[in-house]
């Protein structure tokens, strides 16, 4: 399998800003909806290193958009295994491996896939267990109750589109920089 489209990092992704994230429970999975900002200050506070040792990404990049975080429960602990960053400039998603303490980022082609947020919501409806298994959370994937996921998806969808079209960027930036200092 050709994996040249995957960027591997040997660190975990920038954590969500909990005060800016709305969570929805669906049994062994929890889905968080957050509007994220990335700028020089936030990137510098959370410098990532790619697995090849290069600094990840361009820290002068400015991007924004809705992030969908998918957590799974293993042994009573909720860990993020999937993240969909439906950003304006560089939409992508992450497979997060806690076992390997690494994550893989895969770009979404907006020409081929269309709107990244719509694409993400469809993945949650149709491919969630498969993607969780790919992220190293096979135990969680085997226990996903898709009926519970389907039951929260209308609220996740509403929260995601509300975040996309009505973000409070000043509060988001303040919270993001404050969270990086903890």
N, C-alpha and C. Protein backbone atom coordinates (compact mmCIF):
# COMPACT_ATOMS: atom_id res chain seq x y z
N UNK A 1 0.84 -1.18 0.00
CA UNK A 1 0.00 0.00 0.00
C UNK A 1 0.89 1.24 0.00
N UNK A 2 0.61 2.17 -0.89
CA UNK A 2 1.35 3.42 -0.97
C UNK A 2 0.91 4.34 0.15
N UNK A 3 1.84 4.72 1.02
CA UNK A 3 1.51 5.58 2.15
C UNK A 3 2.22 6.93 2.07
N UNK A 4 2.55 7.38 0.87
CA UNK A 4 3.22 8.65 0.70
C UNK A 4 2.33 9.84 1.05
N UNK A 5 1.04 9.63 1.13
CA UNK A 5 0.10 10.71 1.43
C UNK A 5 -0.07 10.92 2.94
N UNK A 6 0.65 10.16 3.75
CA UNK A 6 0.53 10.23 5.21
C UNK A 6 1.75 10.96 5.77
N UNK A 7 1.51 11.92 6.66
CA UNK A 7 2.58 12.56 7.40
C UNK A 7 2.55 11.98 8.81
N UNK A 8 3.67 11.38 9.23
CA UNK A 8 3.75 10.75 10.55
C UNK A 8 4.48 11.67 11.53
N UNK A 9 3.90 11.77 12.73
CA UNK A 9 4.50 12.57 13.80
C UNK A 9 4.78 11.65 14.98
N UNK A 10 5.89 11.91 15.66
CA UNK A 10 6.20 11.10 16.83
C UNK A 10 5.79 11.80 18.12
N UNK A 11 4.89 12.74 17.99
CA UNK A 11 4.27 13.40 19.14
C UNK A 11 2.77 13.45 18.89
N UNK A 12 2.04 13.72 19.96
CA UNK A 12 0.60 13.78 19.84
C UNK A 12 0.19 15.15 19.27
N UNK A 13 -0.99 15.23 18.66
CA UNK A 13 -1.43 16.51 18.10
C UNK A 13 -1.77 17.51 19.21
N UNK A 14 -1.86 18.77 18.84
CA UNK A 14 -2.24 19.81 19.79
C UNK A 14 -3.59 19.42 20.40
N UNK A 15 -3.68 19.38 21.72
CA UNK A 15 -4.94 18.94 22.33
C UNK A 15 -6.06 19.93 22.09
N UNK A 16 -7.30 19.45 22.15
CA UNK A 16 -8.43 20.37 22.01
C UNK A 16 -8.48 21.35 23.19
N UNK A 17 -9.06 22.49 22.95
CA UNK A 17 -9.30 23.45 24.02
C UNK A 17 -10.67 23.09 24.60
N UNK A 18 -10.65 22.47 25.77
CA UNK A 18 -11.88 21.91 26.34
C UNK A 18 -12.97 22.95 26.53
N UNK A 19 -12.58 24.18 26.91
CA UNK A 19 -13.59 25.22 27.12
C UNK A 19 -14.27 25.64 25.83
N UNK A 20 -13.68 25.30 24.69
CA UNK A 20 -14.24 25.64 23.39
C UNK A 20 -14.81 24.42 22.67
N UNK A 21 -14.90 23.29 23.38
CA UNK A 21 -15.33 22.04 22.76
C UNK A 21 -16.63 21.58 23.39
N UNK A 22 -17.57 21.23 22.54
CA UNK A 22 -18.85 20.68 23.00
C UNK A 22 -18.81 19.18 22.77
N UNK A 23 -19.12 18.40 23.83
CA UNK A 23 -19.00 16.94 23.77
C UNK A 23 -20.36 16.27 23.71
N UNK A 24 -20.39 15.14 22.99
CA UNK A 24 -21.60 14.33 22.84
C UNK A 24 -21.22 12.87 23.10
N UNK A 25 -21.92 12.23 24.03
CA UNK A 25 -21.62 10.84 24.41
C UNK A 25 -22.45 9.87 23.59
N UNK A 26 -21.79 8.77 23.18
CA UNK A 26 -22.46 7.70 22.44
C UNK A 26 -21.88 6.36 22.91
N UNK A 27 -22.06 6.05 24.17
CA UNK A 27 -21.55 4.78 24.70
C UNK A 27 -20.06 4.83 24.88
N UNK A 28 -19.34 3.93 24.18
CA UNK A 28 -17.88 3.85 24.34
C UNK A 28 -17.14 4.95 23.58
N UNK A 29 -17.87 5.74 22.79
CA UNK A 29 -17.24 6.86 22.08
C UNK A 29 -17.88 8.17 22.52
N UNK A 30 -17.07 9.20 22.43
CA UNK A 30 -17.50 10.56 22.71
C UNK A 30 -16.98 11.42 21.57
N UNK A 31 -17.83 12.29 21.06
CA UNK A 31 -17.45 13.15 19.94
C UNK A 31 -17.45 14.58 20.42
N UNK A 32 -16.35 15.28 20.16
CA UNK A 32 -16.22 16.68 20.52
C UNK A 32 -16.22 17.55 19.27
N UNK A 33 -16.89 18.69 19.37
CA UNK A 33 -16.95 19.66 18.27
C UNK A 33 -16.29 20.95 18.77
N UNK A 34 -15.30 21.40 18.03
CA UNK A 34 -14.53 22.59 18.42
C UNK A 34 -14.24 23.42 17.19
N UNK A 35 -14.31 24.73 17.33
CA UNK A 35 -13.80 25.61 16.30
C UNK A 35 -12.37 25.95 16.69
N UNK A 36 -11.41 25.68 15.79
CA UNK A 36 -10.00 25.86 16.12
C UNK A 36 -9.38 26.96 15.27
N UNK A 37 -8.44 27.64 15.88
CA UNK A 37 -7.60 28.60 15.19
C UNK A 37 -6.17 28.10 15.28
N UNK A 38 -5.44 28.21 14.19
CA UNK A 38 -4.00 27.95 14.21
C UNK A 38 -3.31 29.20 13.70
N UNK A 39 -2.35 29.66 14.47
CA UNK A 39 -1.54 30.80 14.05
C UNK A 39 -0.13 30.59 14.58
N UNK A 40 0.74 31.55 14.34
CA UNK A 40 2.13 31.41 14.77
C UNK A 40 2.27 31.18 16.26
N UNK A 41 1.52 31.93 17.06
CA UNK A 41 1.65 31.82 18.52
C UNK A 41 1.18 30.46 19.01
N UNK A 42 0.07 29.98 18.49
CA UNK A 42 -0.45 28.68 18.93
C UNK A 42 0.48 27.56 18.46
N UNK A 43 0.95 27.63 17.21
CA UNK A 43 1.87 26.61 16.70
C UNK A 43 3.17 26.59 17.49
N UNK A 44 3.68 27.78 17.84
CA UNK A 44 4.93 27.85 18.60
C UNK A 44 4.76 27.26 19.99
N UNK A 45 3.59 27.44 20.57
CA UNK A 45 3.33 26.90 21.91
C UNK A 45 3.21 25.38 21.89
N UNK A 46 2.95 24.82 20.72
CA UNK A 46 2.77 23.37 20.59
C UNK A 46 3.60 22.86 19.42
N UNK A 47 4.90 23.11 19.41
CA UNK A 47 5.75 22.69 18.30
C UNK A 47 5.70 21.18 18.14
N UNK A 48 5.41 20.76 16.93
CA UNK A 48 5.36 19.34 16.61
C UNK A 48 6.59 18.95 15.82
N UNK A 49 7.04 17.74 16.01
CA UNK A 49 8.14 17.21 15.23
C UNK A 49 7.63 16.03 14.40
N UNK A 50 7.93 16.05 13.14
CA UNK A 50 7.58 14.92 12.29
C UNK A 50 8.49 13.75 12.65
N UNK A 51 8.07 12.55 12.30
CA UNK A 51 8.83 11.36 12.64
C UNK A 51 10.22 11.38 12.02
N UNK A 52 10.40 12.13 10.92
CA UNK A 52 11.73 12.21 10.31
C UNK A 52 12.61 13.28 10.96
N UNK A 53 12.09 13.95 12.02
CA UNK A 53 12.87 14.93 12.76
C UNK A 53 12.66 16.36 12.33
N UNK A 54 12.01 16.56 11.18
CA UNK A 54 11.75 17.91 10.72
C UNK A 54 10.63 18.52 11.53
N UNK A 55 10.68 19.87 11.66
CA UNK A 55 9.57 20.52 12.33
C UNK A 55 8.35 20.37 11.45
N UNK A 56 7.22 20.05 12.06
CA UNK A 56 6.01 19.78 11.31
C UNK A 56 5.35 21.07 10.87
N UNK A 57 5.03 21.12 9.61
CA UNK A 57 4.21 22.21 9.12
C UNK A 57 4.95 23.54 9.06
N UNK A 58 4.23 24.53 8.63
CA UNK A 58 4.75 25.88 8.49
C UNK A 58 4.16 26.70 9.63
N UNK A 59 5.00 27.13 10.57
CA UNK A 59 4.49 27.85 11.74
C UNK A 59 3.98 29.23 11.37
N UNK A 60 4.19 29.69 10.13
CA UNK A 60 3.60 30.96 9.72
C UNK A 60 2.20 30.74 9.17
N UNK A 61 1.78 29.50 9.06
CA UNK A 61 0.46 29.18 8.56
C UNK A 61 -0.62 29.72 9.49
N UNK A 62 -1.63 30.26 8.92
CA UNK A 62 -2.81 30.66 9.66
C UNK A 62 -3.97 29.87 9.06
N UNK A 63 -4.67 29.14 9.89
CA UNK A 63 -5.80 28.37 9.41
C UNK A 63 -6.85 28.32 10.51
N UNK A 64 -8.04 27.94 10.12
CA UNK A 64 -9.15 27.90 11.06
C UNK A 64 -10.22 26.98 10.51
N UNK A 65 -11.04 26.50 11.44
CA UNK A 65 -12.16 25.68 11.02
C UNK A 65 -12.63 24.77 12.14
N UNK A 66 -13.61 23.98 11.83
CA UNK A 66 -14.21 23.05 12.79
C UNK A 66 -13.32 21.82 12.91
N UNK A 67 -13.11 21.39 14.15
CA UNK A 67 -12.44 20.12 14.43
C UNK A 67 -13.44 19.19 15.09
N UNK A 68 -13.45 17.97 14.64
CA UNK A 68 -14.28 16.92 15.24
C UNK A 68 -13.31 15.94 15.89
N UNK A 69 -13.45 15.77 17.21
CA UNK A 69 -12.58 14.88 17.99
C UNK A 69 -13.38 13.63 18.34
N UNK A 70 -12.78 12.46 18.11
CA UNK A 70 -13.45 11.21 18.46
C UNK A 70 -12.61 10.51 19.53
N UNK A 71 -13.24 10.34 20.69
CA UNK A 71 -12.61 9.68 21.83
C UNK A 71 -13.21 8.28 21.97
N UNK A 72 -12.39 7.37 22.47
CA UNK A 72 -12.86 6.04 22.78
C UNK A 72 -12.48 5.68 24.20
N UNK A 73 -13.31 4.87 24.83
CA UNK A 73 -13.07 4.48 26.21
C UNK A 73 -12.41 3.11 26.26
N UNK A 74 -11.24 3.08 26.88
CA UNK A 74 -10.53 1.83 27.14
C UNK A 74 -10.13 1.84 28.60
N UNK A 75 -10.53 0.80 29.32
CA UNK A 75 -10.22 0.65 30.74
C UNK A 75 -10.59 1.91 31.53
N UNK A 76 -11.77 2.45 31.23
CA UNK A 76 -12.30 3.60 31.97
C UNK A 76 -11.71 4.94 31.60
N UNK A 77 -10.78 4.98 30.64
CA UNK A 77 -10.15 6.24 30.24
C UNK A 77 -10.57 6.60 28.82
N UNK A 78 -10.95 7.88 28.63
CA UNK A 78 -11.32 8.37 27.30
C UNK A 78 -10.09 8.99 26.65
N UNK A 79 -9.70 8.46 25.49
CA UNK A 79 -8.56 8.97 24.74
C UNK A 79 -9.01 9.33 23.34
N UNK A 80 -8.41 10.38 22.77
CA UNK A 80 -8.74 10.78 21.41
C UNK A 80 -7.99 9.88 20.43
N UNK A 81 -8.74 9.25 19.52
CA UNK A 81 -8.16 8.36 18.52
C UNK A 81 -8.26 8.92 17.10
N UNK A 82 -9.26 9.76 16.87
CA UNK A 82 -9.45 10.35 15.54
C UNK A 82 -9.69 11.84 15.71
N UNK A 83 -9.16 12.60 14.78
CA UNK A 83 -9.46 14.03 14.73
C UNK A 83 -9.61 14.42 13.27
N UNK A 84 -10.68 15.14 13.02
CA UNK A 84 -10.95 15.66 11.68
C UNK A 84 -10.86 17.18 11.76
N UNK A 85 -9.84 17.75 11.13
CA UNK A 85 -9.65 19.19 11.11
C UNK A 85 -10.19 19.72 9.79
N UNK A 86 -11.42 20.21 9.82
CA UNK A 86 -12.11 20.69 8.62
C UNK A 86 -11.76 22.15 8.40
N UNK A 87 -10.48 22.38 8.16
CA UNK A 87 -9.94 23.73 8.08
C UNK A 87 -10.19 24.35 6.71
N UNK A 88 -10.15 25.68 6.68
CA UNK A 88 -10.38 26.42 5.45
C UNK A 88 -9.29 26.17 4.42
N UNK A 89 -8.02 26.19 4.86
CA UNK A 89 -6.90 26.10 3.92
C UNK A 89 -6.36 24.68 3.74
N UNK A 90 -6.30 23.91 4.80
CA UNK A 90 -5.68 22.59 4.75
C UNK A 90 -6.51 21.57 5.53
N UNK A 91 -7.64 21.15 4.97
CA UNK A 91 -8.43 20.15 5.69
C UNK A 91 -7.69 18.81 5.73
N UNK A 92 -7.75 18.16 6.90
CA UNK A 92 -7.04 16.89 7.08
C UNK A 92 -7.63 16.16 8.27
N UNK A 93 -7.19 14.92 8.45
CA UNK A 93 -7.60 14.17 9.64
C UNK A 93 -6.41 13.42 10.18
N UNK A 94 -6.55 13.00 11.46
CA UNK A 94 -5.48 12.31 12.18
C UNK A 94 -5.95 10.96 12.67
N UNK A 95 -5.09 9.96 12.55
CA UNK A 95 -5.19 8.71 13.28
C UNK A 95 -4.21 8.85 14.44
N UNK A 96 -4.71 8.75 15.68
CA UNK A 96 -3.88 8.98 16.85
C UNK A 96 -3.64 7.65 17.57
N UNK A 97 -2.38 7.27 17.68
CA UNK A 97 -2.02 6.00 18.31
C UNK A 97 -1.38 6.27 19.67
N UNK A 98 -2.11 5.94 20.72
CA UNK A 98 -1.57 6.11 22.07
C UNK A 98 -0.54 5.03 22.38
N UNK A 99 -0.71 3.85 21.81
CA UNK A 99 0.25 2.77 22.02
C UNK A 99 1.63 3.15 21.48
N UNK A 100 1.66 3.78 20.30
CA UNK A 100 2.92 4.18 19.67
C UNK A 100 3.33 5.62 20.00
N UNK A 101 2.49 6.33 20.74
CA UNK A 101 2.69 7.75 21.05
C UNK A 101 3.05 8.50 19.77
N UNK A 102 2.13 8.40 18.79
CA UNK A 102 2.34 9.01 17.48
C UNK A 102 0.99 9.31 16.85
N UNK A 103 1.05 10.10 15.80
CA UNK A 103 -0.17 10.31 15.03
C UNK A 103 0.17 10.47 13.57
N UNK A 104 -0.80 10.14 12.75
CA UNK A 104 -0.64 10.24 11.31
C UNK A 104 -1.67 11.23 10.79
N UNK A 105 -1.22 12.16 9.95
CA UNK A 105 -2.10 13.16 9.37
C UNK A 105 -2.29 12.86 7.89
N UNK A 106 -3.54 12.89 7.46
CA UNK A 106 -3.87 12.62 6.07
C UNK A 106 -4.69 13.79 5.54
N UNK A 107 -4.24 14.37 4.44
CA UNK A 107 -4.93 15.52 3.85
C UNK A 107 -6.21 15.08 3.15
N UNK A 108 -7.21 15.94 3.20
CA UNK A 108 -8.47 15.71 2.50
C UNK A 108 -8.44 16.56 1.23
N UNK A 109 -8.68 15.95 0.11
CA UNK A 109 -8.71 16.66 -1.16
C UNK A 109 -10.11 17.24 -1.36
N UNK A 110 -10.27 18.56 -1.19
CA UNK A 110 -11.61 19.13 -1.30
C UNK A 110 -12.21 19.04 -2.70
N UNK A 111 -11.38 18.87 -3.71
CA UNK A 111 -11.91 18.70 -5.06
C UNK A 111 -12.55 17.32 -5.19
N UNK A 112 -11.85 16.29 -4.73
CA UNK A 112 -12.35 14.92 -4.84
C UNK A 112 -13.41 14.60 -3.78
N UNK A 113 -13.22 15.11 -2.57
CA UNK A 113 -14.09 14.73 -1.45
C UNK A 113 -15.20 15.73 -1.18
N UNK A 114 -15.09 16.96 -1.70
CA UNK A 114 -16.09 17.99 -1.43
C UNK A 114 -15.81 18.65 -0.09
N UNK A 115 -16.85 19.20 0.50
CA UNK A 115 -16.74 19.91 1.77
C UNK A 115 -16.22 18.97 2.85
N UNK A 116 -15.14 19.38 3.52
CA UNK A 116 -14.50 18.52 4.52
C UNK A 116 -15.42 18.21 5.69
N UNK A 117 -16.24 19.15 6.11
CA UNK A 117 -17.13 18.91 7.24
C UNK A 117 -18.21 17.90 6.86
N UNK A 118 -18.81 18.05 5.71
CA UNK A 118 -19.81 17.07 5.25
C UNK A 118 -19.18 15.68 5.11
N UNK A 119 -17.97 15.65 4.55
CA UNK A 119 -17.24 14.39 4.38
C UNK A 119 -17.00 13.73 5.74
N UNK A 120 -16.59 14.53 6.72
CA UNK A 120 -16.31 14.02 8.06
C UNK A 120 -17.56 13.45 8.70
N UNK A 121 -18.66 14.16 8.63
CA UNK A 121 -19.91 13.67 9.23
C UNK A 121 -20.35 12.36 8.59
N UNK A 122 -20.11 12.24 7.30
CA UNK A 122 -20.42 10.97 6.62
C UNK A 122 -19.50 9.84 7.10
N UNK A 123 -18.23 10.14 7.33
CA UNK A 123 -17.30 9.12 7.86
C UNK A 123 -17.78 8.64 9.23
N UNK A 124 -18.26 9.56 10.08
CA UNK A 124 -18.76 9.16 11.40
C UNK A 124 -19.96 8.23 11.27
N UNK A 125 -20.77 8.46 10.27
CA UNK A 125 -21.97 7.65 10.06
C UNK A 125 -21.66 6.30 9.42
N UNK A 126 -20.69 6.28 8.52
CA UNK A 126 -20.46 5.07 7.72
C UNK A 126 -19.17 4.30 8.04
N UNK A 127 -18.15 4.95 8.59
CA UNK A 127 -16.83 4.31 8.68
C UNK A 127 -16.19 4.37 10.06
N UNK A 128 -16.91 4.84 11.07
CA UNK A 128 -16.30 5.06 12.38
C UNK A 128 -15.59 3.84 12.95
N UNK A 129 -16.21 2.67 13.05
CA UNK A 129 -15.48 1.51 13.60
C UNK A 129 -14.22 1.16 12.81
N UNK A 130 -14.29 1.27 11.49
CA UNK A 130 -13.13 0.95 10.65
C UNK A 130 -11.98 1.92 10.92
N UNK A 131 -12.32 3.19 11.06
CA UNK A 131 -11.29 4.20 11.29
C UNK A 131 -10.71 4.08 12.70
N UNK A 132 -11.56 3.76 13.69
CA UNK A 132 -11.04 3.54 15.04
C UNK A 132 -10.07 2.36 15.06
N UNK A 133 -10.42 1.28 14.37
CA UNK A 133 -9.53 0.12 14.31
C UNK A 133 -8.20 0.50 13.65
N UNK A 134 -8.25 1.29 12.59
CA UNK A 134 -7.04 1.74 11.89
C UNK A 134 -6.16 2.58 12.81
N UNK A 135 -6.79 3.32 13.76
CA UNK A 135 -6.05 4.16 14.69
C UNK A 135 -5.47 3.37 15.86
N UNK A 136 -5.71 2.06 15.89
CA UNK A 136 -5.17 1.25 16.98
C UNK A 136 -6.14 1.05 18.12
N UNK A 137 -7.40 1.38 17.90
CA UNK A 137 -8.42 1.24 18.94
C UNK A 137 -9.43 0.16 18.55
N UNK A 138 -8.91 -1.02 18.20
CA UNK A 138 -9.78 -2.11 17.77
C UNK A 138 -10.78 -2.51 18.86
N UNK A 139 -10.34 -2.45 20.12
CA UNK A 139 -11.23 -2.79 21.23
C UNK A 139 -12.43 -1.84 21.28
N UNK A 140 -12.17 -0.56 21.11
CA UNK A 140 -13.25 0.43 21.07
C UNK A 140 -14.12 0.18 19.84
N UNK A 141 -13.49 -0.02 18.70
CA UNK A 141 -14.22 -0.23 17.45
C UNK A 141 -15.19 -1.40 17.56
N UNK A 142 -14.77 -2.46 18.22
CA UNK A 142 -15.63 -3.64 18.33
C UNK A 142 -16.84 -3.40 19.23
N UNK A 143 -16.78 -2.35 20.06
CA UNK A 143 -17.88 -2.08 20.99
C UNK A 143 -18.72 -0.85 20.59
N UNK A 144 -18.43 -0.25 19.45
CA UNK A 144 -19.22 0.91 19.01
C UNK A 144 -20.65 0.46 18.75
N UNK A 145 -21.60 1.18 19.34
CA UNK A 145 -23.01 0.95 19.06
C UNK A 145 -23.43 2.05 18.08
N UNK A 146 -23.51 1.69 16.80
CA UNK A 146 -23.78 2.68 15.76
C UNK A 146 -25.12 3.36 15.97
N UNK A 147 -26.07 2.68 16.62
CA UNK A 147 -27.37 3.33 16.90
C UNK A 147 -27.17 4.52 17.84
N UNK A 148 -26.26 4.39 18.83
CA UNK A 148 -26.00 5.51 19.72
C UNK A 148 -25.28 6.65 18.99
N UNK A 149 -24.36 6.29 18.10
CA UNK A 149 -23.67 7.30 17.30
C UNK A 149 -24.68 8.01 16.40
N UNK A 150 -25.52 7.25 15.73
CA UNK A 150 -26.52 7.85 14.84
C UNK A 150 -27.47 8.77 15.61
N UNK A 151 -27.75 8.43 16.86
CA UNK A 151 -28.67 9.24 17.67
C UNK A 151 -28.09 10.61 18.01
N UNK A 152 -26.76 10.71 18.15
CA UNK A 152 -26.17 12.02 18.48
C UNK A 152 -25.73 12.80 17.24
N UNK A 153 -25.64 12.15 16.09
CA UNK A 153 -25.13 12.84 14.90
C UNK A 153 -25.92 14.09 14.51
N UNK A 154 -27.24 14.13 14.67
CA UNK A 154 -27.92 15.40 14.35
C UNK A 154 -27.45 16.55 15.26
N UNK A 155 -27.20 16.28 16.52
CA UNK A 155 -26.71 17.33 17.43
C UNK A 155 -25.27 17.69 17.13
N UNK A 156 -24.45 16.68 16.78
CA UNK A 156 -23.06 16.94 16.38
C UNK A 156 -23.05 17.82 15.13
N UNK A 157 -23.90 17.47 14.17
CA UNK A 157 -23.98 18.23 12.92
C UNK A 157 -24.39 19.68 13.19
N UNK A 158 -25.41 19.86 14.01
CA UNK A 158 -25.86 21.21 14.34
C UNK A 158 -24.75 22.01 15.03
N UNK A 159 -24.08 21.41 15.99
CA UNK A 159 -23.00 22.09 16.70
C UNK A 159 -21.85 22.44 15.75
N UNK A 160 -21.54 21.54 14.84
CA UNK A 160 -20.44 21.76 13.90
C UNK A 160 -20.74 22.93 12.96
N UNK A 161 -21.94 22.96 12.42
CA UNK A 161 -22.28 24.06 11.50
C UNK A 161 -22.45 25.38 12.26
N UNK A 162 -22.96 25.32 13.47
CA UNK A 162 -23.06 26.53 14.29
C UNK A 162 -21.65 27.07 14.57
N UNK A 163 -20.72 26.18 14.91
CA UNK A 163 -19.33 26.60 15.16
C UNK A 163 -18.71 27.19 13.90
N UNK A 164 -18.98 26.57 12.76
CA UNK A 164 -18.39 27.04 11.50
C UNK A 164 -18.87 28.45 11.17
N UNK A 165 -20.14 28.71 11.37
CA UNK A 165 -20.70 29.97 10.90
C UNK A 165 -20.80 31.05 11.96
N UNK A 166 -20.52 30.71 13.24
CA UNK A 166 -20.65 31.72 14.30
C UNK A 166 -19.56 31.55 15.36
N UNK A 167 -18.29 31.53 14.95
CA UNK A 167 -17.23 31.37 15.96
C UNK A 167 -16.94 32.69 16.68
N UNK A 168 -16.55 32.58 17.94
CA UNK A 168 -16.09 33.74 18.71
C UNK A 168 -14.56 33.65 18.71
N UNK A 169 -13.93 34.16 17.66
CA UNK A 169 -12.50 33.96 17.47
C UNK A 169 -11.66 34.60 18.56
N UNK A 170 -12.11 35.70 19.13
CA UNK A 170 -11.34 36.35 20.20
C UNK A 170 -11.27 35.43 21.43
N UNK A 171 -12.40 34.87 21.83
CA UNK A 171 -12.43 33.96 22.99
C UNK A 171 -11.66 32.67 22.68
N UNK A 172 -11.78 32.19 21.45
CA UNK A 172 -11.08 30.97 21.05
C UNK A 172 -9.57 31.17 21.14
N UNK A 173 -9.09 32.29 20.62
CA UNK A 173 -7.66 32.57 20.65
C UNK A 173 -7.16 32.71 22.10
N UNK A 174 -7.91 33.42 22.90
CA UNK A 174 -7.53 33.58 24.31
C UNK A 174 -7.47 32.23 25.02
N UNK A 175 -8.49 31.40 24.82
CA UNK A 175 -8.51 30.08 25.46
C UNK A 175 -7.41 29.17 24.93
N UNK A 176 -7.14 29.23 23.62
CA UNK A 176 -6.11 28.37 23.02
C UNK A 176 -4.73 28.73 23.56
N UNK A 177 -4.44 29.99 23.67
CA UNK A 177 -3.14 30.39 24.20
C UNK A 177 -3.05 30.12 25.70
N UNK A 178 -4.13 30.29 26.41
CA UNK A 178 -4.16 29.98 27.84
C UNK A 178 -3.98 28.51 28.10
N UNK A 179 -4.61 27.66 27.29
CA UNK A 179 -4.49 26.21 27.45
C UNK A 179 -3.07 25.74 27.18
N UNK A 180 -2.36 26.39 26.27
CA UNK A 180 -1.00 25.98 25.95
C UNK A 180 -0.02 26.28 27.07
N UNK A 181 -0.41 27.13 28.00
CA UNK A 181 0.49 27.54 29.08
C UNK A 181 0.31 26.65 30.32
N UNK A 182 -0.68 25.76 30.28
CA UNK A 182 -0.95 24.90 31.45
C UNK A 182 -0.01 23.74 31.49
